[in-house]
Protein backbone atom coordinates (compact mmCIF):
# COMPACT_ATOMS: atom_id res chain seq x y z
CA MET A 1 98.59 110.37 120.63
CA LYS A 2 100.56 110.00 117.27
CA GLU A 3 99.68 107.23 115.23
CA GLN A 4 102.18 104.39 114.21
CA LEU A 5 101.80 102.42 110.92
CA ASN A 6 102.44 98.86 111.49
CA LEU A 7 103.77 97.51 108.11
CA THR A 8 106.02 94.76 106.70
CA SER A 9 109.24 95.47 104.95
CA GLU A 10 107.40 94.78 101.74
CA ASP A 11 104.86 97.20 102.49
CA GLY A 12 107.43 99.81 103.24
CA ARG A 13 109.29 99.15 99.95
CA SER A 14 105.99 99.36 97.90
CA ILE A 15 105.50 102.76 99.47
CA VAL A 16 109.05 104.07 98.71
CA TYR A 17 108.89 102.69 95.13
CA GLU A 18 105.43 104.53 94.74
CA ASP A 19 103.70 101.18 94.07
CA ASN A 20 101.00 101.31 96.77
CA PRO A 21 97.75 103.13 95.89
CA GLU A 22 96.92 103.79 99.57
CA PHE A 23 99.79 106.24 100.07
CA VAL A 24 101.37 109.26 98.02
CA THR A 25 104.76 110.44 98.45
CA VAL A 26 105.06 114.03 99.54
CA GLU A 27 108.64 114.33 100.28
CA ASN A 28 111.61 111.96 99.93
CA LYS A 29 115.04 113.51 100.85
CA VAL A 30 118.48 112.39 101.40
CA ILE A 31 119.27 113.49 105.10
CA ASN A 32 122.59 111.56 105.80
CA ASN A 33 125.11 109.21 104.52
CA SER A 34 127.71 106.66 105.68
CA ARG A 35 130.30 104.98 103.83
CA TRP A 36 128.00 102.12 102.80
CA SER A 37 124.51 103.65 102.93
CA ILE A 38 122.58 106.68 101.96
CA ILE A 39 119.74 107.68 104.63
CA HIS A 40 116.49 109.06 103.35
CA ARG A 41 113.43 110.71 105.17
CA ILE A 42 110.23 109.98 103.42
CA VAL A 43 106.84 111.69 104.13
CA ILE A 44 103.77 110.11 102.76
CA GLN A 45 99.94 110.80 102.94
CA ARG A 46 97.42 108.21 103.41
CA GLN A 47 94.78 108.70 100.89
CA ALA A 48 91.87 107.28 102.86
CA ASP A 49 91.98 110.18 105.59
CA GLY A 50 94.67 112.56 104.44
CA LYS A 51 96.94 111.99 107.49
CA PHE A 52 100.84 112.32 106.99
CA PHE A 53 103.54 110.01 108.08
CA ALA A 54 107.24 110.09 107.99
CA ALA A 55 109.90 107.31 108.24
CA ARG A 56 113.70 107.03 107.59
CA TYR A 57 115.27 104.23 105.36
CA SER A 58 118.58 103.60 103.82
CA VAL A 59 119.76 102.13 100.57
CA GLY A 60 123.18 101.05 99.46
CA ALA A 61 125.46 103.83 98.51
CA THR A 62 127.20 101.97 95.57
CA GLU A 63 126.22 99.23 93.25
CA SER A 64 128.28 97.06 95.39
CA GLN A 65 126.07 97.44 98.54
CA ASP A 66 122.97 95.44 98.01
CA GLU A 67 120.71 97.13 100.37
CA ARG A 68 117.04 97.86 99.66
CA PRO A 69 114.76 100.24 101.79
CA PHE A 70 113.83 98.40 105.14
CA GLU A 71 116.21 95.57 104.48
CA TYR A 72 117.58 95.37 107.95
CA ASN A 73 114.92 97.50 110.01
CA LYS A 74 111.09 97.21 110.01
CA PRO A 75 109.46 100.31 108.51
CA GLU A 76 108.45 102.66 111.39
CA PHE A 77 106.19 105.43 110.01
CA THR A 78 104.98 107.74 112.58
CA GLU A 79 102.24 110.34 112.04
CA VAL A 80 103.49 113.91 111.59
CA GLU A 81 101.76 117.22 110.93
CA LYS A 82 102.21 119.74 107.98
CA LYS A 83 103.76 122.96 109.31
CA GLU A 84 104.50 126.10 107.44
CA VAL A 85 107.95 127.61 107.98
CA LEU A 86 109.00 131.03 106.81
CA THR A 87 112.62 130.94 105.14
CA VAL A 88 114.94 133.96 104.32
CA VAL A 89 117.10 133.58 101.42
CA TYR A 90 119.90 136.11 100.28
CA GLU A 91 120.37 136.30 96.49
């Protein structure tokens, strides 16, 4: 069974802002956007045991939208596994 991290919004923000020594950000990508928000997917690694976790969060799309990570939703970090994928590129 995949582990879920039970975090507060403050804990989630400290991870996103890379201000939490228990976790290291492995990847943080923009995956979607709406008129008012930019949606990210973040993958982190817990330093204690090396496990990886992923979550989605959104931030305001402009300076007029005052939306911080996990402002409206609790952080839902779910355990994920590292998987190598072969990619073909034409240049």
